[in-house]
Amino acid sequence: MITSNASASEDILKVDKTLFVQLIIFIVAIFILNSLLFKPLIQLVDRREKLTTGTIAEAKRIREELEKIRDEYSSRLNEARSQAILERSEIRRQAQLSSEEIIKRAREENQAFLDESTKRLESETREIEEKIKPTIEILAKDVASIVLKKEI
């Protein structure tokens, strides 16, 4: 048995035509597998990497764009707030001026009414004094006569 094992191992290590046939089959198999399997697989991996890298780059670009839009929105919002504050201040100032003008007119009207009422009262007082002056003189004479017990 040892001799048969030795001769079998010599047959395996012997270089003959089959080695060249196997080598040719191996090279042909590599070319066929390269064109049918390896190149498409490498292209698929490259395409996937490009898509992934492109998608990541696109995501970064979108994120940067969104941040820019958010910053612009924030600045416009702050600008609108400050504009609203200015407009509100202007409206308050206008309202204050209007209220002061209304109060001034009301005071002037009240003063004019008071002046007119005072003039009217003075006029009516003079008229009443003129009307009752003769009666007062008569009453004064009567009172003086009663007090002095003489006729005046």
C-alpha atoms as a PDB file:
ATOM      1  CA  MET A   1       0.000   0.000   0.000  1.00  0.00           C
ATOM      2  CA  ILE A   2       2.775   2.345   0.649  1.00  0.00           C
ATOM      3  CA  THR A   3       4.078   1.805  -2.842  1.00  0.00           C
ATOM      4  CA  SER A   4       0.676   2.443  -4.367  1.00  0.00           C
ATOM      5  CA  ASN A   5       0.348   5.690  -2.372  1.00  0.00           C
ATOM      6  CA  ALA A   6       3.772   6.769  -3.545  1.00  0.00           C
ATOM      7  CA  SER A   7       2.977   6.105  -7.185  1.00  0.00           C
ATOM      8  CA  ALA A   8      -0.361   7.952  -6.845  1.00  0.00           C
ATOM      9  CA  SER A   9       1.381  11.003  -5.429  1.00  0.00           C
ATOM     10  CA  GLU A  10       3.923  10.869  -8.256  1.00  0.00           C
ATOM     11  CA  ASP A  11       1.030  10.851 -10.749  1.00  0.00           C
ATOM     12  CA  ILE A  12      -0.478  13.935  -9.147  1.00  0.00           C
ATOM     13  CA  LEU A  13       2.776  15.887  -9.212  1.00  0.00           C
ATOM     14  CA  LYS A  14       3.630  14.864 -12.752  1.00  0.00           C
ATOM     15  CA  VAL A  15       3.375  17.670 -15.348  1.00  0.00           C
ATOM     16  CA  ASP A  16       1.577  16.547 -18.447  1.00  0.00           C
ATOM     17  CA  LYS A  17      -0.843  17.873 -21.096  1.00  0.00           C
ATOM     18  CA  THR A  18      -3.718  18.160 -18.673  1.00  0.00           C
ATOM     19  CA  LEU A  19      -1.891  20.843 -16.738  1.00  0.00           C
ATOM     20  CA  PHE A  20      -1.769  23.014 -19.866  1.00  0.00           C
ATOM     21  CA  VAL A  21      -5.426  22.302 -20.630  1.00  0.00           C
ATOM     22  CA  GLN A  22      -6.373  23.207 -17.083  1.00  0.00           C
ATOM     23  CA  LEU A  23      -4.260  26.373 -17.279  1.00  0.00           C
ATOM     24  CA  ILE A  24      -5.998  27.382 -20.549  1.00  0.00           C
ATOM     25  CA  ILE A  25      -9.430  26.649 -19.016  1.00  0.00           C
ATOM     26  CA  PHE A  26      -8.462  28.734 -15.974  1.00  0.00           C
ATOM     27  CA  ILE A  27      -7.347  31.722 -18.100  1.00  0.00           C
ATOM     28  CA  VAL A  28     -10.458  31.488 -20.290  1.00  0.00           C
ATOM     29  CA  ALA A  29     -12.606  31.227 -17.147  1.00  0.00           C
ATOM     30  CA  ILE A  30     -10.924  34.348 -15.719  1.00  0.00           C
ATOM     31  CA  PHE A  31     -11.610  36.332 -18.929  1.00  0.00           C
ATOM     32  CA  ILE A  32     -15.210  35.132 -19.062  1.00  0.00           C
ATOM     33  CA  LEU A  33     -15.787  35.787 -15.336  1.00  0.00           C
ATOM     34  CA  ASN A  34     -14.054  39.155 -15.651  1.00  0.00           C
ATOM     35  CA  SER A  35     -16.347  40.298 -18.463  1.00  0.00           C
ATOM     36  CA  LEU A  36     -19.547  38.691 -17.134  1.00  0.00           C
ATOM     37  CA  LEU A  37     -19.154  38.985 -13.350  1.00  0.00           C
ATOM     38  CA  PHE A  38     -16.275  41.089 -12.079  1.00  0.00           C
ATOM     39  CA  LYS A  39     -16.591  44.163 -14.351  1.00  0.00           C
ATOM     40  CA  PRO A  40     -20.402  44.477 -13.854  1.00  0.00           C
ATOM     41  CA  LEU A  41     -19.953  43.942 -10.112  1.00  0.00           C
ATOM     42  CA  ILE A  42     -17.216  46.601  -9.927  1.00  0.00           C
ATOM     43  CA  GLN A  43     -19.357  48.955 -12.030  1.00  0.00           C
ATOM     44  CA  LEU A  44     -22.302  48.317  -9.696  1.00  0.00           C
ATOM     45  CA  VAL A  45     -20.158  49.041  -6.648  1.00  0.00           C
ATOM     46  CA  ASP A  46     -18.786  52.203  -8.328  1.00  0.00           C
ATOM     47  CA  ARG A  47     -22.284  53.337  -9.315  1.00  0.00           C
ATOM     48  CA  ARG A  48     -23.555  52.671  -5.791  1.00  0.00           C
ATOM     49  CA  GLU A  49     -20.621  54.612  -4.330  1.00  0.00           C
ATOM     50  CA  LYS A  50     -21.244  57.508  -6.719  1.00  0.00           C
ATOM     51  CA  LEU A  51     -24.929  57.504  -5.850  1.00  0.00           C
ATOM     52  CA  THR A  52     -24.175  57.337  -2.150  1.00  0.00           C
ATOM     53  CA  THR A  53     -21.516  60.015  -2.393  1.00  0.00           C
ATOM     54  CA  GLY A  54     -23.780  62.074  -4.638  1.00  0.00           C
ATOM     55  CA  THR A  55     -26.690  61.617  -2.273  1.00  0.00           C
ATOM     56  CA  ILE A  56     -24.559  62.605   0.692  1.00  0.00           C
ATOM     57  CA  ALA A  57     -23.251  65.628  -1.212  1.00  0.00           C
ATOM     58  CA  GLU A  58     -26.806  66.489  -2.258  1.00  0.00           C
ATOM     59  CA  ALA A  59     -27.960  66.139   1.354  1.00  0.00           C
ATOM     60  CA  LYS A  60     -25.148  68.448   2.495  1.00  0.00           C
ATOM     61  CA  ARG A  61     -26.026  70.952  -0.214  1.00  0.00           C
ATOM     62  CA  ILE A  62     -29.706  70.827   0.749  1.00  0.00           C
ATOM     63  CA  ARG A  63     -28.813  71.220   4.423  1.00  0.00           C
ATOM     64  CA  GLU A  64     -26.637  74.253   3.630  1.00  0.00           C
ATOM     65  CA  GLU A  65     -29.412  75.696   1.485  1.00  0.00           C
ATOM     66  CA  LEU A  66     -31.939  75.117   4.267  1.00  0.00           C
ATOM     67  CA  GLU A  67     -29.651  76.800   6.778  1.00  0.00           C
ATOM     68  CA  LYS A  68     -29.252  79.736   4.419  1.00  0.00           C
ATOM     69  CA  ILE A  69     -33.037  79.935   3.973  1.00  0.00           C
ATOM     70  CA  ARG A  70     -33.542  79.672   7.750  1.00  0.00           C
ATOM     71  CA  ASP A  71     -31.007  82.448   8.356  1.00  0.00           C
ATOM     72  CA  GLU A  72     -32.650  84.597   5.697  1.00  0.00           C
ATOM     73  CA  TYR A  73     -36.070  83.882   7.221  1.00  0.00           C
ATOM     74  CA  SER A  74     -34.756  84.810  10.671  1.00  0.00           C
ATOM     75  CA  SER A  75     -33.241  88.043   9.416  1.00  0.00           C
ATOM     76  CA  ARG A  76     -36.434  88.957   7.538  1.00  0.00           C
ATOM     77  CA  LEU A  77     -38.504  88.101  10.604  1.00  0.00           C
ATOM     78  CA  ASN A  78     -36.282  90.295  12.782  1.00  0.00           C
ATOM     79  CA  GLU A  79     -36.498  93.054  10.187  1.00  0.00           C
ATOM     80  CA  ALA A  80     -40.290  92.748  10.089  1.00  0.00           C
ATOM     81  CA  ARG A  81     -40.429  92.845  13.886  1.00  0.00           C
ATOM     82  CA  SER A  82     -38.309  95.972  14.042  1.00  0.00           C
ATOM     83  CA  GLN A  83     -40.420  97.540  11.284  1.00  0.00           C
ATOM     84  CA  ALA A  84     -43.571  96.653  13.221  1.00  0.00           C
ATOM     85  CA  ILE A  85     -42.101  98.228  16.361  1.00  0.00           C
ATOM     86  CA  LEU A  86     -41.293 101.401  14.408  1.00  0.00           C
ATOM     87  CA  GLU A  87     -44.770 101.507  12.867  1.00  0.00           C
ATOM     88  CA  ARG A  88     -46.388 100.893  16.254  1.00  0.00           C
ATOM     89  CA  SER A  89     -44.303 103.730  17.743  1.00  0.00           C
ATOM     90  CA  GLU A  90     -45.340 106.022  14.886  1.00  0.00           C
ATOM     91  CA  ILE A  91     -49.007 105.086  15.342  1.00  0.00           C
ATOM     92  CA  ARG A  92     -48.743 105.773  19.076  1.00  0.00           C
ATOM     93  CA  ARG A  93     -47.071 109.105  18.387  1.00  0.00           C
ATOM     94  CA  GLN A  94     -49.806 110.034  15.903  1.00  0.00           C
ATOM     95  CA  ALA A  95     -52.475 108.933  18.383  1.00  0.00           C
ATOM     96  CA  GLN A  96     -50.811 111.014  21.114  1.00  0.00           C
ATOM     97  CA  LEU A  97     -50.726 114.059  18.826  1.00  0.00           C
ATOM     98  CA  SER A  98     -54.374 113.515  17.854  1.00  0.00           C
ATOM     99  CA  SER A  99     -55.462 113.135  21.454  1.00  0.00           C
ATOM    100  CA  GLU A 100     -53.529 116.279  22.420  1.00  0.00           C
ATOM    101  CA  GLU A 101     -55.179 118.164  19.556  1.00  0.00           C
ATOM    102  CA  ILE A 102     -58.638 116.899  20.566  1.00  0.00           C
ATOM    103  CA  ILE A 103     -58.018 117.865  24.199  1.00  0.00           C
ATOM    104  CA  LYS A 104     -56.750 121.297  23.097  1.00  0.00           C
ATOM    105  CA  ARG A 105     -59.851 121.854  20.952  1.00  0.00           C
ATOM    106  CA  ALA A 106     -62.122 120.684  23.774  1.00  0.00           C
ATOM    107  CA  ARG A 107     -60.421 123.090  26.206  1.00  0.00           C
ATOM    108  CA  GLU A 108     -60.729 125.942  23.717  1.00  0.00           C
ATOM    109  CA  GLU A 109     -64.399 125.135  23.173  1.00  0.00           C
ATOM    110  CA  ASN A 110     -64.972 124.906  26.926  1.00  0.00           C
ATOM    111  CA  GLN A 111     -63.157 128.203  27.471  1.00  0.00           C
ATOM    112  CA  ALA A 112     -65.180 129.839  24.694  1.00  0.00           C
ATOM    113  CA  PHE A 113     -68.384 128.441  26.217  1.00  0.00           C
ATOM    114  CA  LEU A 114     -67.331 129.693  29.665  1.00  0.00           C
ATOM    115  CA  ASP A 115     -66.446 133.129  28.288  1.00  0.00           C
ATOM    116  CA  GLU A 116     -69.754 133.333  26.430  1.00  0.00           C
ATOM    117  CA  SER A 117     -71.669 132.128  29.495  1.00  0.00           C
ATOM    118  CA  THR A 118     -69.860 134.668  31.708  1.00  0.00           C
ATOM    119  CA  LYS A 119     -70.659 137.501  29.264  1.00  0.00           C
ATOM    120  CA  ARG A 120     -74.271 136.372  29.077  1.00  0.00           C
ATOM    121  CA  LEU A 121     -74.527 136.198  32.886  1.00  0.00           C
ATOM    122  CA  GLU A 122     -72.936 139.657  33.247  1.00  0.00           C
ATOM    123  CA  SER A 123     -75.313 141.013  30.640  1.00  0.00           C
ATOM    124  CA  GLU A 124     -78.317 139.423  32.325  1.00  0.00           C
ATOM    125  CA  THR A 125     -77.075 140.672  35.706  1.00  0.00           C
ATOM    126  CA  ARG A 126     -76.848 144.235  34.375  1.00  0.00           C
ATOM    127  CA  GLU A 127     -80.309 143.919  32.850  1.00  0.00           C
ATOM    128  CA  ILE A 128     -81.757 142.635  36.103  1.00  0.00           C
ATOM    129  CA  GLU A 129     -79.956 145.364  38.059  1.00  0.00           C
ATOM    130  CA  GLU A 130     -81.366 147.978  35.659  1.00  0.00           C
ATOM    131  CA  LYS A 131     -84.854 146.529  36.058  1.00  0.00           C
ATOM    132  CA  ILE A 132     -84.794 146.348  39.846  1.00  0.00           C
ATOM    133  CA  LYS A 133     -82.834 149.585  40.457  1.00  0.00           C
ATOM    134  CA  PRO A 134     -86.002 151.738  40.790  1.00  0.00           C
ATOM    135  CA  THR A 135     -87.550 149.139  43.079  1.00  0.00           C
ATOM    136  CA  ILE A 136     -84.425 149.063  45.220  1.00  0.00           C
ATOM    137  CA  GLU A 137     -84.447 152.837  45.559  1.00  0.00           C
ATOM    138  CA  ILE A 138     -88.065 152.757  46.666  1.00  0.00           C
ATOM    139  CA  LEU A 139     -87.409 149.938  49.103  1.00  0.00           C
ATOM    140  CA  ALA A 140     -84.334 151.760  50.428  1.00  0.00           C
ATOM    141  CA  LYS A 141     -86.400 154.887  51.066  1.00  0.00           C
ATOM    142  CA  ASP A 142     -89.099 152.842  52.782  1.00  0.00           C
ATOM    143  CA  VAL A 143     -86.579 151.064  54.983  1.00  0.00           C
ATOM    144  CA  ALA A 144     -84.814 154.341  55.812  1.00  0.00           C
ATOM    145  CA  SER A 145     -88.183 155.918  56.683  1.00  0.00           C
ATOM    146  CA  ILE A 146     -89.032 153.039  58.975  1.00  0.00           C
ATOM    147  CA  VAL A 147     -85.645 153.103  60.658  1.00  0.00           C
ATOM    148  CA  LEU A 148     -85.559 156.884  61.048  1.00  0.00           C
ATOM    149  CA  LYS A 149     -89.247 157.071  61.620  1.00  0.00           C
ATOM    150  CA  LYS A 150     -89.421 159.880  59.205  1.00  0.00           C
ATOM    151  CA  GLU A 151     -90.339 160.101  55.643  1.00  0.00           C
ATOM    152  CA  ILE A 152     -87.517 160.646  53.260  1.00  0.00           C
END
